[in-house]
């Protein structure tokens, strides 16, 4: 899920990369929690399936939660201000 602001800015992003769903599971509820400031212009959401398999979705809902509920956005995630490593010469060893 991504929360977009004016002029193409991004207010929040969580693609569950830090907690991927693997293997077969029965019906399971998953939650993504992001702050949605008043000047947000769009909320985008979807499903990404890597490899073979199937994804079934049911009962998507958007709820307002208390300010005490932590967001699920990966901590410390910050996009660079400009493109980096465009020649793919740097190795990411993280």
C-alpha atoms as a PDB file:
ATOM      1  CA  UNK A   1       0.000   0.000   0.000  1.00  0.00           C
ATOM      2  CA  UNK A   2       1.194   3.498  -0.757  1.00  0.00           C
ATOM      3  CA  UNK A   3      -0.158   6.856   0.377  1.00  0.00           C
ATOM      4  CA  UNK A   4       0.538   9.612  -2.139  1.00  0.00           C
ATOM      5  CA  UNK A   5       0.709  13.311  -1.492  1.00  0.00           C
ATOM      6  CA  UNK A   6       0.510  16.257  -3.828  1.00  0.00           C
ATOM      7  CA  UNK A   7       3.058  16.704  -6.620  1.00  0.00           C
ATOM      8  CA  UNK A   8       3.984  13.000  -6.708  1.00  0.00           C
ATOM      9  CA  UNK A   9       5.286  12.866  -3.150  1.00  0.00           C
ATOM     10  CA  UNK A  10       4.892   9.679  -1.122  1.00  0.00           C
ATOM     11  CA  UNK A  11       3.642   9.906   2.456  1.00  0.00           C
ATOM     12  CA  UNK A  12       3.895   6.202   3.255  1.00  0.00           C
ATOM     13  CA  UNK A  13       4.716   2.823   1.730  1.00  0.00           C
ATOM     14  CA  UNK A  14       4.540  -0.787   2.893  1.00  0.00           C
ATOM     15  CA  UNK A  15       4.849  -3.738   0.505  1.00  0.00           C
ATOM     16  CA  UNK A  16       5.319  -6.284   3.325  1.00  0.00           C
ATOM     17  CA  UNK A  17       8.833  -7.028   2.043  1.00  0.00           C
ATOM     18  CA  UNK A  18      10.024  -7.311   5.637  1.00  0.00           C
ATOM     19  CA  UNK A  19       7.308  -9.896   6.401  1.00  0.00           C
ATOM     20  CA  UNK A  20       6.555 -11.837   3.190  1.00  0.00           C
ATOM     21  CA  UNK A  21       3.868 -14.492   2.948  1.00  0.00           C
ATOM     22  CA  UNK A  22       5.489 -17.778   1.930  1.00  0.00           C
ATOM     23  CA  UNK A  23       4.092 -21.179   1.114  1.00  0.00           C
ATOM     24  CA  UNK A  24       0.496 -22.215   1.253  1.00  0.00           C
ATOM     25  CA  UNK A  25      -1.756 -20.777   3.899  1.00  0.00           C
ATOM     26  CA  UNK A  26      -5.425 -20.963   4.598  1.00  0.00           C
ATOM     27  CA  UNK A  27      -7.505 -17.815   4.783  1.00  0.00           C
ATOM     28  CA  UNK A  28      -5.409 -15.462   6.871  1.00  0.00           C
ATOM     29  CA  UNK A  29      -5.926 -11.788   7.706  1.00  0.00           C
ATOM     30  CA  UNK A  30      -3.015  -9.446   6.987  1.00  0.00           C
ATOM     31  CA  UNK A  31      -2.815  -5.800   7.924  1.00  0.00           C
ATOM     32  CA  UNK A  32      -0.985  -2.807   6.533  1.00  0.00           C
ATOM     33  CA  UNK A  33      -1.149   0.347   8.648  1.00  0.00           C
ATOM     34  CA  UNK A  34      -0.026   3.689   7.239  1.00  0.00           C
ATOM     35  CA  UNK A  35      -0.629   7.271   8.280  1.00  0.00           C
ATOM     36  CA  UNK A  36      -2.882   9.133   5.843  1.00  0.00           C
ATOM     37  CA  UNK A  37      -2.378  12.882   6.245  1.00  0.00           C
ATOM     38  CA  UNK A  38      -5.280  15.173   5.353  1.00  0.00           C
ATOM     39  CA  UNK A  39      -3.506  16.455   2.243  1.00  0.00           C
ATOM     40  CA  UNK A  40      -3.128  12.928   0.797  1.00  0.00           C
ATOM     41  CA  UNK A  41      -4.405  12.656  -2.759  1.00  0.00           C
ATOM     42  CA  UNK A  42      -4.427   8.891  -3.379  1.00  0.00           C
ATOM     43  CA  UNK A  43      -4.115   5.504  -1.734  1.00  0.00           C
ATOM     44  CA  UNK A  44      -2.791   2.702  -3.942  1.00  0.00           C
ATOM     45  CA  UNK A  45      -2.928  -0.950  -2.917  1.00  0.00           C
ATOM     46  CA  UNK A  46      -2.461  -4.305  -4.574  1.00  0.00           C
ATOM     47  CA  UNK A  47      -0.984  -7.771  -4.513  1.00  0.00           C
ATOM     48  CA  UNK A  48       2.427  -8.872  -5.791  1.00  0.00           C
ATOM     49  CA  UNK A  49       2.986 -12.559  -6.481  1.00  0.00           C
ATOM     50  CA  UNK A  50       6.583 -13.625  -7.083  1.00  0.00           C
ATOM     51  CA  UNK A  51       6.903 -16.972  -8.842  1.00  0.00           C
ATOM     52  CA  UNK A  52       4.183 -19.525  -9.440  1.00  0.00           C
ATOM     53  CA  UNK A  53       1.030 -19.779  -7.404  1.00  0.00           C
ATOM     54  CA  UNK A  54      -2.289 -18.154  -6.712  1.00  0.00           C
ATOM     55  CA  UNK A  55      -3.445 -15.292  -4.564  1.00  0.00           C
ATOM     56  CA  UNK A  56      -7.016 -14.941  -3.387  1.00  0.00           C
ATOM     57  CA  UNK A  57      -8.283 -11.743  -1.797  1.00  0.00           C
ATOM     58  CA  UNK A  58     -11.533 -11.182   0.052  1.00  0.00           C
ATOM     59  CA  UNK A  59     -13.039  -8.531   2.292  1.00  0.00           C
ATOM     60  CA  UNK A  60     -10.524  -5.713   1.833  1.00  0.00           C
ATOM     61  CA  UNK A  61     -11.378  -2.912   4.200  1.00  0.00           C
ATOM     62  CA  UNK A  62     -10.016   0.454   5.217  1.00  0.00           C
ATOM     63  CA  UNK A  63     -10.368   1.440   8.868  1.00  0.00           C
ATOM     64  CA  UNK A  64      -9.457   4.438  10.951  1.00  0.00           C
ATOM     65  CA  UNK A  65      -7.316   3.426  13.909  1.00  0.00           C
ATOM     66  CA  UNK A  66      -6.202   5.188  17.061  1.00  0.00           C
ATOM     67  CA  UNK A  67      -3.019   7.290  16.919  1.00  0.00           C
ATOM     68  CA  UNK A  68      -1.401   4.769  19.297  1.00  0.00           C
ATOM     69  CA  UNK A  69      -1.456   2.032  16.619  1.00  0.00           C
ATOM     70  CA  UNK A  70       2.006   1.788  15.054  1.00  0.00           C
ATOM     71  CA  UNK A  71       2.379   1.876  11.298  1.00  0.00           C
ATOM     72  CA  UNK A  72       3.701  -1.216   9.529  1.00  0.00           C
ATOM     73  CA  UNK A  73       5.990   0.817   7.273  1.00  0.00           C
ATOM     74  CA  UNK A  74       9.495  -0.652   7.555  1.00  0.00           C
ATOM     75  CA  UNK A  75      11.450   1.301  10.172  1.00  0.00           C
ATOM     76  CA  UNK A  76      14.351   3.359   8.917  1.00  0.00           C
ATOM     77  CA  UNK A  77      13.205   3.097   5.307  1.00  0.00           C
ATOM     78  CA  UNK A  78      14.166   6.225   3.418  1.00  0.00           C
ATOM     79  CA  UNK A  79      14.282   6.677  -0.304  1.00  0.00           C
ATOM     80  CA  UNK A  80      17.251   8.595  -1.743  1.00  0.00           C
ATOM     81  CA  UNK A  81      16.620  12.131  -2.981  1.00  0.00           C
ATOM     82  CA  UNK A  82      17.875  11.185  -6.448  1.00  0.00           C
ATOM     83  CA  UNK A  83      18.630   8.001  -8.436  1.00  0.00           C
ATOM     84  CA  UNK A  84      21.706   6.050  -7.334  1.00  0.00           C
ATOM     85  CA  UNK A  85      23.906   3.311  -8.834  1.00  0.00           C
ATOM     86  CA  UNK A  86      22.453   3.720 -12.332  1.00  0.00           C
ATOM     87  CA  UNK A  87      25.362   1.805 -13.883  1.00  0.00           C
ATOM     88  CA  UNK A  88      24.899  -1.112 -11.435  1.00  0.00           C
ATOM     89  CA  UNK A  89      28.560  -0.897 -10.418  1.00  0.00           C
ATOM     90  CA  UNK A  90      27.940  -0.829  -6.675  1.00  0.00           C
ATOM     91  CA  UNK A  91      27.148  -4.056  -4.851  1.00  0.00           C
ATOM     92  CA  UNK A  92      24.405  -4.153  -2.249  1.00  0.00           C
ATOM     93  CA  UNK A  93      25.722  -6.456   0.442  1.00  0.00           C
ATOM     94  CA  UNK A  94      23.095  -5.624   3.054  1.00  0.00           C
END
